[in-house]
Amino acid sequence: MSCRILVTDDDELVLLSVQSLLESEGYAVATAASGQDALDRSAEERFDLFLLDIIMPGLSGLEVCKALRAKPEYRETPIVMLTAKSAEADRQQGMEAGATRFLPKPIQPERLIEVLREVCAGA
């Protein structure tokens, strides 16, 4: 069974490129352009993994991560933060919010696929 992933980023170019990359690797991918959109989608559909940008208008990725962790069905679901905020303090904030992994932008396709294989295998 393929890992079903929700990619959330307010940058349409990032959404399209990550979606294309992940689908080429056989993942089932849905996208959300905002934090609220991600929460709405997570209530309507079941996902095996979340990829979240941190900096977004409205709800940040950190707020979305905390909200997902508060839902029983997503307490153990892998959440990977994919963000331009790459300082150690940012990583720590992400992990405290409930992130499983933290990857800095710019996106390194090989590294992203490697991490997703690891966390999907453990999910």
PDB file of N, CA and C in Angstrom:
ATOM      1  N   MET A   1       0.832  -1.191   0.000  1.00  0.00           N
ATOM      2  CA  MET A   1       0.000   0.000   0.000  1.00  0.00           C
ATOM      3  C   MET A   1       0.874   1.250   0.000  1.00  0.00           C
ATOM      4  N   SER A   2       0.490   2.217  -0.810  1.00  0.00           N
ATOM      5  CA  SER A   2       1.233   3.462  -0.913  1.00  0.00           C
ATOM      6  C   SER A   2       0.928   4.369   0.267  1.00  0.00           C
ATOM      7  N   CYS A   3       1.912   5.115   0.667  1.00  0.00           N
ATOM      8  CA  CYS A   3       1.755   6.088   1.735  1.00  0.00           C
ATOM      9  C   CYS A   3       0.992   7.294   1.168  1.00  0.00           C
ATOM     10  N   ARG A   4      -0.123   7.656   1.800  1.00  0.00           N
ATOM     11  CA  ARG A   4      -0.932   8.798   1.348  1.00  0.00           C
ATOM     12  C   ARG A   4      -0.453  10.048   2.086  1.00  0.00           C
ATOM     13  N   ILE A   5       0.012  11.038   1.322  1.00  0.00           N
ATOM     14  CA  ILE A   5       0.671  12.216   1.888  1.00  0.00           C
ATOM     15  C   ILE A   5      -0.122  13.486   1.586  1.00  0.00           C
ATOM     16  N   LEU A   6      -0.246  14.356   2.600  1.00  0.00           N
ATOM     17  CA  LEU A   6      -0.803  15.691   2.398  1.00  0.00           C
ATOM     18  C   LEU A   6       0.345  16.690   2.491  1.00  0.00           C
ATOM     19  N   VAL A   7       0.594  17.389   1.392  1.00  0.00           N
ATOM     20  CA  VAL A   7       1.641  18.405   1.325  1.00  0.00           C
ATOM     21  C   VAL A   7       0.974  19.762   1.501  1.00  0.00           C
ATOM     22  N   THR A   8       1.444  20.544   2.473  1.00  0.00           N
ATOM     23  CA  THR A   8       0.864  21.856   2.738  1.00  0.00           C
ATOM     24  C   THR A   8       1.929  22.936   2.622  1.00  0.00           C
ATOM     25  N   ASP A   9       1.688  23.883   1.717  1.00  0.00           N
ATOM     26  CA  ASP A   9       2.601  25.008   1.508  1.00  0.00           C
ATOM     27  C   ASP A   9       1.810  26.108   0.826  1.00  0.00           C
ATOM     28  N   ASP A  10       2.065  27.356   1.183  1.00  0.00           N
ATOM     29  CA  ASP A  10       1.354  28.466   0.555  1.00  0.00           C
ATOM     30  C   ASP A  10       1.981  28.882  -0.778  1.00  0.00           C
ATOM     31  N   ASP A  11       3.110  28.282  -1.136  1.00  0.00           N
ATOM     32  CA  ASP A  11       3.776  28.564  -2.413  1.00  0.00           C
ATOM     33  C   ASP A  11       3.340  27.508  -3.435  1.00  0.00           C
ATOM     34  N   GLU A  12       2.570  27.932  -4.430  1.00  0.00           N
ATOM     35  CA  GLU A  12       2.021  26.996  -5.414  1.00  0.00           C
ATOM     36  C   GLU A  12       3.111  26.248  -6.175  1.00  0.00           C
ATOM     37  N   LEU A  13       4.214  26.914  -6.452  1.00  0.00           N
ATOM     38  CA  LEU A  13       5.317  26.274  -7.162  1.00  0.00           C
ATOM     39  C   LEU A  13       5.910  25.132  -6.340  1.00  0.00           C
ATOM     40  N   VAL A  14       6.056  25.353  -5.042  1.00  0.00           N
ATOM     41  CA  VAL A  14       6.553  24.300  -4.147  1.00  0.00           C
ATOM     42  C   VAL A  14       5.566  23.138  -4.124  1.00  0.00           C
ATOM     43  N   LEU A  15       4.272  23.453  -3.993  1.00  0.00           N
ATOM     44  CA  LEU A  15       3.255  22.393  -3.972  1.00  0.00           C
ATOM     45  C   LEU A  15       3.332  21.529  -5.229  1.00  0.00           C
ATOM     46  N   LEU A  16       3.372  22.185  -6.383  1.00  0.00           N
ATOM     47  CA  LEU A  16       3.393  21.442  -7.644  1.00  0.00           C
ATOM     48  C   LEU A  16       4.663  20.620  -7.809  1.00  0.00           C
ATOM     49  N   SER A  17       5.804  21.189  -7.444  1.00  0.00           N
ATOM     50  CA  SER A  17       7.058  20.453  -7.625  1.00  0.00           C
ATOM     51  C   SER A  17       7.164  19.274  -6.663  1.00  0.00           C
ATOM     52  N   VAL A  18       6.754  19.461  -5.412  1.00  0.00           N
ATOM     53  CA  VAL A  18       6.802  18.359  -4.444  1.00  0.00           C
ATOM     54  C   VAL A  18       5.787  17.283  -4.834  1.00  0.00           C
ATOM     55  N   GLN A  19       4.601  17.709  -5.243  1.00  0.00           N
ATOM     56  CA  GLN A  19       3.590  16.741  -5.673  1.00  0.00           C
ATOM     57  C   GLN A  19       4.111  15.907  -6.846  1.00  0.00           C
ATOM     58  N   SER A  20       4.689  16.553  -7.829  1.00  0.00           N
ATOM     59  CA  SER A  20       5.220  15.845  -8.999  1.00  0.00           C
ATOM     60  C   SER A  20       6.323  14.867  -8.595  1.00  0.00           C
ATOM     61  N   LEU A  21       7.235  15.317  -7.756  1.00  0.00           N
ATOM     62  CA  LEU A  21       8.330  14.466  -7.285  1.00  0.00           C
ATOM     63  C   LEU A  21       7.796  13.233  -6.560  1.00  0.00           C
ATOM     64  N   LEU A  22       6.865  13.450  -5.622  1.00  0.00           N
ATOM     65  CA  LEU A  22       6.360  12.340  -4.813  1.00  0.00           C
ATOM     66  C   LEU A  22       5.518  11.370  -5.634  1.00  0.00           C
ATOM     67  N   GLU A  23       4.703  11.900  -6.541  1.00  0.00           N
ATOM     68  CA  GLU A  23       3.907  11.014  -7.396  1.00  0.00           C
ATOM     69  C   GLU A  23       4.797  10.185  -8.311  1.00  0.00           C
ATOM     70  N   SER A  24       5.921  10.757  -8.753  1.00  0.00           N
ATOM     71  CA  SER A  24       6.841   9.990  -9.599  1.00  0.00           C
ATOM     72  C   SER A  24       7.490   8.845  -8.831  1.00  0.00           C
ATOM     73  N   GLU A  25       7.470   8.941  -7.499  1.00  0.00           N
ATOM     74  CA  GLU A  25       8.010   7.884  -6.634  1.00  0.00           C
ATOM     75  C   GLU A  25       6.921   6.908  -6.180  1.00  0.00           C
ATOM     76  N   GLY A  26       5.687   7.121  -6.653  1.00  0.00           N
ATOM     77  CA  GLY A  26       4.601   6.196  -6.345  1.00  0.00           C
ATOM     78  C   GLY A  26       3.738   6.556  -5.159  1.00  0.00           C
ATOM     79  N   TYR A  27       3.957   7.727  -4.575  1.00  0.00           N
ATOM     80  CA  TYR A  27       3.143   8.142  -3.438  1.00  0.00           C
ATOM     81  C   TYR A  27       1.819   8.729  -3.918  1.00  0.00           C
ATOM     82  N   ALA A  28       0.777   8.548  -3.129  1.00  0.00           N
ATOM     83  CA  ALA A  28      -0.515   9.190  -3.376  1.00  0.00           C
ATOM     84  C   ALA A  28      -0.452  10.542  -2.671  1.00  0.00           C
ATOM     85  N   VAL A  29      -0.620  11.627  -3.419  1.00  0.00           N
ATOM     86  CA  VAL A  29      -0.386  12.968  -2.883  1.00  0.00           C
ATOM     87  C   VAL A  29      -1.620  13.852  -3.026  1.00  0.00           C
ATOM     88  N   ALA A  30      -1.946  14.546  -1.942  1.00  0.00           N
ATOM     89  CA  ALA A  30      -2.953  15.603  -1.959  1.00  0.00           C
ATOM     90  C   ALA A  30      -2.234  16.870  -1.504  1.00  0.00           C
ATOM     91  N   THR A  31      -2.777  18.024  -1.873  1.00  0.00           N
ATOM     92  CA  THR A  31      -2.138  19.282  -1.494  1.00  0.00           C
ATOM     93  C   THR A  31      -3.114  20.196  -0.779  1.00  0.00           C
ATOM     94  N   ALA A  32      -2.549  21.080   0.029  1.00  0.00           N
ATOM     95  CA  ALA A  32      -3.309  22.116   0.725  1.00  0.00           C
ATOM     96  C   ALA A  32      -2.486  23.397   0.656  1.00  0.00           C
ATOM     97  N   ALA A  33      -3.148  24.522   0.362  1.00  0.00           N
ATOM     98  CA  ALA A  33      -2.452  25.792   0.179  1.00  0.00           C
ATOM     99  C   ALA A  33      -2.420  26.657   1.442  1.00  0.00           C
ATOM    100  N   SER A  34      -3.011  26.147   2.526  1.00  0.00           N
ATOM    101  CA  SER A  34      -2.995  26.895   3.790  1.00  0.00           C
ATOM    102  C   SER A  34      -3.120  25.926   4.956  1.00  0.00           C
ATOM    103  N   GLY A  35      -2.815  26.431   6.136  1.00  0.00           N
ATOM    104  CA  GLY A  35      -2.956  25.603   7.324  1.00  0.00           C
ATOM    105  C   GLY A  35      -4.393  25.172   7.562  1.00  0.00           C
ATOM    106  N   GLN A  36      -5.321  26.098   7.372  1.00  0.00           N
ATOM    107  CA  GLN A  36      -6.731  25.758   7.567  1.00  0.00           C
ATOM    108  C   GLN A  36      -7.182  24.722   6.546  1.00  0.00           C
ATOM    109  N   ASP A  37      -6.730  24.877   5.320  1.00  0.00           N
ATOM    110  CA  ASP A  37      -7.050  23.907   4.268  1.00  0.00           C
ATOM    111  C   ASP A  37      -6.533  22.518   4.658  1.00  0.00           C
ATOM    112  N   ALA A  38      -5.345  22.465   5.233  1.00  0.00           N
ATOM    113  CA  ALA A  38      -4.777  21.180   5.669  1.00  0.00           C
ATOM    114  C   ALA A  38      -5.630  20.537   6.754  1.00  0.00           C
ATOM    115  N   LEU A  39      -6.069  21.331   7.709  1.00  0.00           N
ATOM    116  CA  LEU A  39      -6.912  20.783   8.775  1.00  0.00           C
ATOM    117  C   LEU A  39      -8.255  20.319   8.223  1.00  0.00           C
ATOM    118  N   ASP A  40      -8.820  21.093   7.305  1.00  0.00           N
ATOM    119  CA  ASP A  40     -10.083  20.690   6.686  1.00  0.00           C
ATOM    120  C   ASP A  40      -9.918  19.383   5.928  1.00  0.00           C
ATOM    121  N   ARG A  41      -8.857  19.276   5.137  1.00  0.00           N
ATOM    122  CA  ARG A  41      -8.613  18.048   4.363  1.00  0.00           C
ATOM    123  C   ARG A  41      -8.393  16.851   5.283  1.00  0.00           C
ATOM    124  N   SER A  42      -7.671  17.080   6.394  1.00  0.00           N
ATOM    125  CA  SER A  42      -7.384  15.969   7.317  1.00  0.00           C
ATOM    126  C   SER A  42      -8.641  15.468   8.003  1.00  0.00           C
ATOM    127  N   ALA A  43      -9.661  16.308   8.080  1.00  0.00           N
ATOM    128  CA  ALA A  43     -10.934  15.893   8.675  1.00  0.00           C
ATOM    129  C   ALA A  43     -11.786  15.121   7.668  1.00  0.00           C
ATOM    130  N   GLU A  44     -11.584  15.395   6.384  1.00  0.00           N
ATOM    131  CA  GLU A  44     -12.375  14.767   5.320  1.00  0.00           C
ATOM    132  C   GLU A  44     -11.767  13.467   4.812  1.00  0.00           C
ATOM    133  N   GLU A  45     -10.432  13.385   4.837  1.00  0.00           N
ATOM    134  CA  GLU A  45      -9.708  12.234   4.294  1.00  0.00           C
ATOM    135  C   GLU A  45      -8.690  11.760   5.316  1.00  0.00           C
ATOM    136  N   ARG A  46      -8.240  10.532   5.165  1.00  0.00           N
ATOM    137  CA  ARG A  46      -7.224   9.973   6.059  1.00  0.00           C
ATOM    138  C   ARG A  46      -5.880  10.009   5.357  1.00  0.00           C
ATOM    139  N   PHE A  47      -4.861  10.525   6.049  1.00  0.00           N
ATOM    140  CA  PHE A  47      -3.515  10.597   5.499  1.00  0.00           C
ATOM    141  C   PHE A  47      -2.551   9.801   6.362  1.00  0.00           C
ATOM    142  N   ASP A  48      -1.502   9.270   5.712  1.00  0.00           N
ATOM    143  CA  ASP A  48      -0.484   8.481   6.405  1.00  0.00           C
ATOM    144  C   ASP A  48       0.714   9.318   6.807  1.00  0.00           C
ATOM    145  N   LEU A  49       0.822  10.522   6.221  1.00  0.00           N
ATOM    146  CA  LEU A  49       1.968  11.387   6.483  1.00  0.00           C
ATOM    147  C   LEU A  49       1.606  12.809   6.080  1.00  0.00           C
ATOM    148  N   PHE A  50       2.141  13.775   6.830  1.00  0.00           N
ATOM    149  CA  PHE A  50       1.943  15.186   6.508  1.00  0.00           C
ATOM    150  C   PHE A  50       3.291  15.840   6.253  1.00  0.00           C
ATOM    151  N   LEU A  51       3.375  16.644   5.205  1.00  0.00           N
ATOM    152  CA  LEU A  51       4.526  17.503   4.927  1.00  0.00           C
ATOM    153  C   LEU A  51       4.024  18.927   5.121  1.00  0.00           C
ATOM    154  N   LEU A  52       4.592  19.651   6.076  1.00  0.00           N
ATOM    155  CA  LEU A  52       4.094  20.983   6.409  1.00  0.00           C
ATOM    156  C   LEU A  52       5.167  22.050   6.289  1.00  0.00           C
ATOM    157  N   ASP A  53       4.831  23.142   5.601  1.00  0.00           N
ATOM    158  CA  ASP A  53       5.646  24.342   5.650  1.00  0.00           C
ATOM    159  C   ASP A  53       5.345  25.005   6.993  1.00  0.00           C
ATOM    160  N   ILE A  54       6.285  25.759   7.549  1.00  0.00           N
ATOM    161  CA  ILE A  54       6.027  26.444   8.816  1.00  0.00           C
ATOM    162  C   ILE A  54       5.424  27.822   8.574  1.00  0.00           C
ATOM    163  N   ILE A  55       6.050  28.598   7.692  1.00  0.00           N
ATOM    164  CA  ILE A  55       5.614  29.981   7.489  1.00  0.00           C
ATOM    165  C   ILE A  55       4.506  30.035   6.444  1.00  0.00           C
ATOM    166  N   MET A  56       3.283  30.269   6.930  1.00  0.00           N
ATOM    167  CA  MET A  56       2.121  30.406   6.051  1.00  0.00           C
ATOM    168  C   MET A  56       1.204  31.457   6.648  1.00  0.00           C
ATOM    169  N   PRO A  57       0.452  32.163   5.804  1.00  0.00           N
ATOM    170  CA  PRO A  57      -0.529  33.108   6.354  1.00  0.00           C
ATOM    171  C   PRO A  57      -1.627  32.342   7.097  1.00  0.00           C
ATOM    172  N   GLY A  58      -2.222  32.993   8.065  1.00  0.00           N
ATOM    173  CA  GLY A  58      -3.244  32.302   8.858  1.00  0.00           C
ATOM    174  C   GLY A  58      -2.566  31.355   9.828  1.00  0.00           C
ATOM    175  N   LEU A  59      -2.966  30.099   9.803  1.00  0.00           N
ATOM    176  CA  LEU A  59      -2.365  29.094  10.683  1.00  0.00           C
ATOM    177  C   LEU A  59      -0.980  28.702  10.184  1.00  0.00           C
ATOM    178  N   SER A  60       0.000  28.758  11.071  1.00  0.00           N
ATOM    179  CA  SER A  60       1.350  28.325  10.708  1.00  0.00           C
ATOM    180  C   SER A  60       1.429  26.801  10.708  1.00  0.00           C
ATOM    181  N   GLY A  61       2.487  26.269  10.148  1.00  0.00           N
ATOM    182  CA  GLY A  61       2.701  24.829  10.177  1.00  0.00           C
ATOM    183  C   GLY A  61       2.814  24.297  11.593  1.00  0.00           C
ATOM    184  N   LEU A  62       3.376  25.106  12.496  1.00  0.00           N
ATOM    185  CA  LEU A  62       3.483  24.688  13.894  1.00  0.00           C
ATOM    186  C   LEU A  62       2.096  24.538  14.517  1.00  0.00           C
ATOM    187  N   GLU A  63       1.206  25.484  14.222  1.00  0.00           N
ATOM    188  CA  GLU A  63      -0.162  25.407  14.748  1.00  0.00           C
ATOM    189  C   GLU A  63      -0.909  24.221  14.164  1.00  0.00           C
ATOM    190  N   VAL A  64      -0.697  23.962  12.878  1.00  0.00           N
ATOM    191  CA  VAL A  64      -1.337  22.810  12.231  1.00  0.00           C
ATOM    192  C   VAL A  64      -0.821  21.519  12.852  1.00  0.00           C
ATOM    193  N   CYS A  65       0.475  21.446  13.075  1.00  0.00           N
ATOM    194  CA  CYS A  65       1.081  20.261  13.680  1.00  0.00           C
ATOM    195  C   CYS A  65       0.469  19.986  15.051  1.00  0.00           C
ATOM    196  N   LYS A  66       0.362  21.019  15.876  1.00  0.00           N
ATOM    197  CA  LYS A  66      -0.240  20.853  17.217  1.00  0.00           C
ATOM    198  C   LYS A  66      -1.695  20.407  17.108  1.00  0.00           C
ATOM    199  N   ALA A  67      -2.438  21.005  16.173  1.00  0.00           N
ATOM    200  CA  ALA A  67      -3.854  20.643  16.002  1.00  0.00           C
ATOM    201  C   ALA A  67      -3.998  19.192  15.542  1.00  0.00           C
ATOM    202  N   LEU A  68      -3.114  18.752  14.657  1.00  0.00           N
ATOM    203  CA  LEU A  68      -3.164  17.360  14.201  1.00  0.00           C
ATOM    204  C   LEU A  68      -2.846  16.407  15.343  1.00  0.00           C
ATOM    205  N   ARG A  69      -1.850  16.755  16.145  1.00  0.00           N
ATOM    206  CA  ARG A  69      -1.465  15.896  17.272  1.00  0.00           C
ATOM    207  C   ARG A  69      -2.583  15.801  18.312  1.00  0.00           C
ATOM    208  N   ALA A  70      -3.464  16.793  18.354  1.00  0.00           N
ATOM    209  CA  ALA A  70      -4.573  16.777  19.309  1.00  0.00           C
ATOM    210  C   ALA A  70      -5.688  15.832  18.870  1.00  0.00           C
ATOM    211  N   LYS A  71      -5.657  15.408  17.596  1.00  0.00           N
ATOM    212  CA  LYS A  71      -6.679  14.491  17.087  1.00  0.00           C
ATOM    213  C   LYS A  71      -6.211  13.055  17.318  1.00  0.00           C
ATOM    214  N   PRO A  72      -7.025  12.227  17.961  1.00  0.00           N
ATOM    215  CA  PRO A  72      -6.606  10.843  18.239  1.00  0.00           C
ATOM    216  C   PRO A  72      -6.137  10.088  16.994  1.00  0.00           C
ATOM    217  N   GLU A  73      -6.800  10.309  15.869  1.00  0.00           N
ATOM    218  CA  GLU A  73      -6.435   9.564  14.656  1.00  0.00           C
ATOM    219  C   GLU A  73      -5.085   9.978  14.068  1.00  0.00           C
ATOM    220  N   TYR A  74      -4.530  11.114  14.517  1.00  0.00           N
ATOM    221  CA  TYR A  74      -3.250  11.584  13.977  1.00  0.00           C
ATOM    222  C   TYR A  74      -2.152  11.713  15.033  1.00  0.00           C
ATOM    223  N   ARG A  75      -2.382  11.171  16.225  1.00  0.00           N
ATOM    224  CA  ARG A  75      -1.369  11.282  17.281  1.00  0.00           C
ATOM    225  C   ARG A  75      -0.035  10.654  16.897  1.00  0.00           C
ATOM    226  N   GLU A  76      -0.092   9.562  16.156  1.00  0.00           N
ATOM    227  CA  GLU A  76       1.129   8.833  15.795  1.00  0.00           C
ATOM    228  C   GLU A  76       1.514   8.994  14.321  1.00  0.00           C
ATOM    229  N   THR A  77       0.759   9.766  13.569  1.00  0.00           N
ATOM    230  CA  THR A  77       1.024   9.937  12.138  1.00  0.00           C
ATOM    231  C   THR A  77       2.285  10.778  11.938  1.00  0.00           C
ATOM    232  N   PRO A  78       3.208  10.333  11.079  1.00  0.00           N
ATOM    233  CA  PRO A  78       4.409  11.124  10.839  1.00  0.00           C
ATOM    234  C   PRO A  78       4.093  12.504  10.264  1.00  0.00           C
ATOM    235  N   ILE A  79       4.778  13.517  10.808  1.00  0.00           N
ATOM    236  CA  ILE A  79       4.670  14.888  10.320  1.00  0.00           C
ATOM    237  C   ILE A  79       6.080  15.386  10.057  1.00  0.00           C
ATOM    238  N   VAL A  80       6.336  15.769   8.806  1.00  0.00           N
ATOM    239  CA  VAL A  80       7.643  16.277   8.411  1.00  0.00           C
ATOM    240  C   VAL A  80       7.508  17.767   8.117  1.00  0.00           C
ATOM    241  N   MET A  81       8.274  18.570   8.838  1.00  0.00           N
ATOM    242  CA  MET A  81       8.314  20.007   8.584  1.00  0.00           C
ATOM    243  C   MET A  81       9.304  20.251   7.452  1.00  0.00           C
ATOM    244  N   LEU A  82       8.850  20.966   6.449  1.00  0.00           N
ATOM    245  CA  LEU A  82       9.672  21.289   5.278  1.00  0.00           C
ATOM    246  C   LEU A  82       9.656  22.801   5.175  1.00  0.00           C
ATOM    247  N   THR A  83      10.759  23.457   5.592  1.00  0.00           N
ATOM    248  CA  THR A  83      10.687  24.895   5.787  1.00  0.00           C
ATOM    249  C   THR A  83      11.994  25.634   5.548  1.00  0.00           C
ATOM    250  N   ALA A  84      11.856  26.914   5.244  1.00  0.00           N
ATOM    251  CA  ALA A  84      13.023  27.784   5.088  1.00  0.00           C
ATOM    252  C   ALA A  84      13.603  28.153   6.455  1.00  0.00           C
ATOM    253  N   LYS A  85      12.819  27.961   7.509  1.00  0.00           N
ATOM    254  CA  LYS A  85      13.299  28.256   8.864  1.00  0.00           C
ATOM    255  C   LYS A  85      14.146  27.067   9.327  1.00  0.00           C
ATOM    256  N   SER A  86      15.470  27.232   9.232  1.00  0.00           N
ATOM    257  CA  SER A  86      16.328  26.069   9.458  1.00  0.00           C
ATOM    258  C   SER A  86      17.295  26.216  10.634  1.00  0.00           C
ATOM    259  N   ALA A  87      17.119  27.232  11.461  1.00  0.00           N
ATOM    260  CA  ALA A  87      17.971  27.370  12.641  1.00  0.00           C
ATOM    261  C   ALA A  87      17.630  26.273  13.655  1.00  0.00           C
ATOM    262  N   GLU A  88      18.553  25.995  14.540  1.00  0.00           N
ATOM    263  CA  GLU A  88      18.340  24.960  15.554  1.00  0.00           C
ATOM    264  C   GLU A  88      17.115  25.277  16.412  1.00  0.00           C
ATOM    265  N   ALA A  89      16.910  26.552  16.729  1.00  0.00           N
ATOM    266  CA  ALA A  89      15.734  26.937  17.531  1.00  0.00           C
ATOM    267  C   ALA A  89      14.444  26.626  16.770  1.00  0.00           C
ATOM    268  N   ASP A  90      14.452  26.814  15.455  1.00  0.00           N
ATOM    269  CA  ASP A  90      13.275  26.504  14.635  1.00  0.00           C
ATOM    270  C   ASP A  90      13.003  25.003  14.628  1.00  0.00           C
ATOM    271  N   ARG A  91      14.076  24.231  14.480  1.00  0.00           N
ATOM    272  CA  ARG A  91      13.941  22.772  14.496  1.00  0.00           C
ATOM    273  C   ARG A  91      13.372  22.316  15.838  1.00  0.00           C
ATOM    274  N   GLN A  92      13.887  22.891  16.909  1.00  0.00           N
ATOM    275  CA  GLN A  92      13.417  22.539  18.248  1.00  0.00           C
ATOM    276  C   GLN A  92      11.940  22.873  18.414  1.00  0.00           C
ATOM    277  N   GLN A  93      11.525  24.041  17.919  1.00  0.00           N
ATOM    278  CA  GLN A  93      10.111  24.431  17.984  1.00  0.00           C
ATOM    279  C   GLN A  93       9.244  23.427  17.232  1.00  0.00           C
ATOM    280  N   GLY A  94       9.709  23.007  16.063  1.00  0.00           N
ATOM    281  CA  GLY A  94       8.966  22.034  15.268  1.00  0.00           C
ATOM    282  C   GLY A  94       8.822  20.705  15.988  1.00  0.00           C
ATOM    283  N   MET A  95       9.898  20.254  16.592  1.00  0.00           N
ATOM    284  CA  MET A  95       9.857  18.980  17.296  1.00  0.00           C
ATOM    285  C   MET A  95       8.955  19.077  18.534  1.00  0.00           C
ATOM    286  N   GLU A  96       8.988  20.216  19.219  1.00  0.00           N
ATOM    287  CA  GLU A  96       8.122  20.403  20.381  1.00  0.00           C
ATOM    288  C   GLU A  96       6.647  20.458  19.978  1.00  0.00           C
ATOM    289  N   ALA A  97       6.379  20.934  18.758  1.00  0.00           N
ATOM    290  CA  ALA A  97       4.996  20.990  18.266  1.00  0.00           C
ATOM    291  C   ALA A  97       4.478  19.607  17.895  1.00  0.00           C
ATOM    292  N   GLY A  98       5.406  18.642  17.754  1.00  0.00           N
ATOM    293  CA  GLY A  98       4.999  17.279  17.444  1.00  0.00           C
ATOM    294  C   GLY A  98       5.521  16.733  16.139  1.00  0.00           C
ATOM    295  N   ALA A  99       6.420  17.467  15.475  1.00  0.00           N
ATOM    296  CA  ALA A  99       6.973  16.988  14.204  1.00  0.00           C
ATOM    297  C   ALA A  99       7.817  15.735  14.412  1.00  0.00           C
ATOM    298  N   THR A 100       7.773  14.872  13.410  1.00  0.00           N
ATOM    299  CA  THR A 100       8.579  13.654  13.421  1.00  0.00           C
ATOM    300  C   THR A 100       9.976  13.949  12.892  1.00  0.00           C
ATOM    301  N   ARG A 101      10.023  14.741  11.828  1.00  0.00           N
ATOM    302  CA  ARG A 101      11.292  15.123  11.187  1.00  0.00           C
ATOM    303  C   ARG A 101      11.215  16.578  10.767  1.00  0.00           C
ATOM    304  N   PHE A 102      12.379  17.160  10.488  1.00  0.00           N
ATOM    305  CA  PHE A 102      12.478  18.573  10.137  1.00  0.00           C
ATOM    306  C   PHE A 102      13.471  18.688   8.991  1.00  0.00           C
ATOM    307  N   LEU A 103      13.015  19.157   7.826  1.00  0.00           N
ATOM    308  CA  LEU A 103      13.888  19.306   6.666  1.00  0.00           C
ATOM    309  C   LEU A 103      13.920  20.759   6.201  1.00  0.00           C
ATOM    310  N   PRO A 104      15.120  21.308   6.015  1.00  0.00           N
ATOM    311  CA  PRO A 104      15.216  22.689   5.552  1.00  0.00           C
ATOM    312  C   PRO A 104      14.999  22.814   4.042  1.00  0.00           C
ATOM    313  N   LYS A 105      14.500  23.988   3.635  1.00  0.00           N
ATOM    314  CA  LYS A 105      14.458  24.343   2.214  1.00  0.00           C
ATOM    315  C   LYS A 105      15.765  25.052   1.920  1.00  0.00           C
ATOM    316  N   PRO A 106      16.271  25.099   0.728  1.00  0.00           N
ATOM    317  CA  PRO A 106      15.633  24.541  -0.458  1.00  0.00           C
ATOM    318  C   PRO A 106      15.575  23.015  -0.405  1.00  0.00           C
ATOM    319  N   ILE A 107      14.560  22.490  -1.041  1.00  0.00           N
ATOM    320  CA  ILE A 107      14.310  21.052  -1.031  1.00  0.00           C
ATOM    321  C   ILE A 107      15.399  20.320  -1.791  1.00  0.00           C
ATOM    322  N   GLN A 108      15.942  19.295  -1.151  1.00  0.00           N
ATOM    323  CA  GLN A 108      16.870  18.389  -1.821  1.00  0.00           C
ATOM    324  C   GLN A 108      16.063  17.130  -2.118  1.00  0.00           C
ATOM    325  N   PRO A 109      15.666  16.931  -3.390  1.00  0.00           N
ATOM    326  CA  PRO A 109      14.762  15.823  -3.731  1.00  0.00           C
ATOM    327  C   PRO A 109      15.202  14.464  -3.194  1.00  0.00           C
ATOM    328  N   GLU A 110      16.489  14.138  -3.316  1.00  0.00           N
ATOM    329  CA  GLU A 110      16.967  12.827  -2.869  1.00  0.00           C
ATOM    330  C   GLU A 110      16.794  12.680  -1.360  1.00  0.00           C
ATOM    331  N   ARG A 111      17.097  13.733  -0.630  1.00  0.00           N
ATOM    332  CA  ARG A 111      16.973  13.692   0.832  1.00  0.00           C
ATOM    333  C   ARG A 111      15.505  13.591   1.247  1.00  0.00           C
ATOM    334  N   LEU A 112      14.638  14.336   0.574  1.00  0.00           N
ATOM    335  CA  LEU A 112      13.210  14.277   0.883  1.00  0.00           C
ATOM    336  C   LEU A 112      12.670  12.865   0.678  1.00  0.00           C
ATOM    337  N   ILE A 113      13.000  12.250  -0.438  1.00  0.00           N
ATOM    338  CA  ILE A 113      12.538  10.882  -0.726  1.00  0.00           C
ATOM    339  C   ILE A 113      13.093   9.905   0.311  1.00  0.00           C
ATOM    340  N   GLU A 114      14.349  10.076   0.669  1.00  0.00           N
ATOM    341  CA  GLU A 114      14.971   9.205   1.671  1.00  0.00           C
ATOM    342  C   GLU A 114      14.218   9.291   3.003  1.00  0.00           C
ATOM    343  N   VAL A 115      13.919  10.507   3.449  1.00  0.00           N
ATOM    344  CA  VAL A 115      13.214  10.699   4.713  1.00  0.00           C
ATOM    345  C   VAL A 115      11.799  10.132   4.638  1.00  0.00           C
ATOM    346  N   LEU A 116      11.122  10.362   3.522  1.00  0.00           N
ATOM    347  CA  LEU A 116       9.763   9.845   3.401  1.00  0.00           C
ATOM    348  C   LEU A 116       9.732   8.326   3.396  1.00  0.00           C
ATOM    349  N   ARG A 117      10.713   7.711   2.764  1.00  0.00           N
ATOM    350  CA  ARG A 117      10.782   6.243   2.791  1.00  0.00           C
ATOM    351  C   ARG A 117      10.952   5.745   4.221  1.00  0.00           C
ATOM    352  N   GLU A 118      11.815   6.430   4.983  1.00  0.00           N
ATOM    353  CA  GLU A 118      12.050   6.035   6.371  1.00  0.00           C
ATOM    354  C   GLU A 118      10.781   6.169   7.204  1.00  0.00           C
ATOM    355  N   VAL A 119      10.137   7.345   7.128  1.00  0.00           N
ATOM    356  CA  VAL A 119       8.988   7.567   8.011  1.00  0.00           C
ATOM    357  C   VAL A 119       7.750   6.801   7.546  1.00  0.00           C
ATOM    358  N   CYS A 120       7.597   6.601   6.250  1.00  0.00           N
ATOM    359  CA  CYS A 120       6.458   5.791   5.764  1.00  0.00           C
ATOM    360  C   CYS A 120       6.634   4.328   6.163  1.00  0.00           C
ATOM    361  N   ALA A 121       7.852   3.845   6.144  1.00  0.00           N
ATOM    362  CA  ALA A 121       8.112   2.462   6.525  1.00  0.00           C
ATOM    363  C   ALA A 121       7.802   2.245   7.997  1.00  0.00           C
ATOM    364  N   GLY A 122       8.028   3.281   8.811  1.00  0.00           N
ATOM    365  CA  GLY A 122       7.789   3.173  10.246  1.00  0.00           C
ATOM    366  C   GLY A 122       6.362   3.476  10.648  1.00  0.00           C
ATOM    367  N   ALA A 123       5.574   3.994   9.692  1.00  0.00           N
ATOM    368  CA  ALA A 123       4.200   4.399  10.023  1.00  0.00           C
ATOM    369  C   ALA A 123       3.271   3.213  10.127  1.00  0.00           C
TER     370      ALA A 123
END
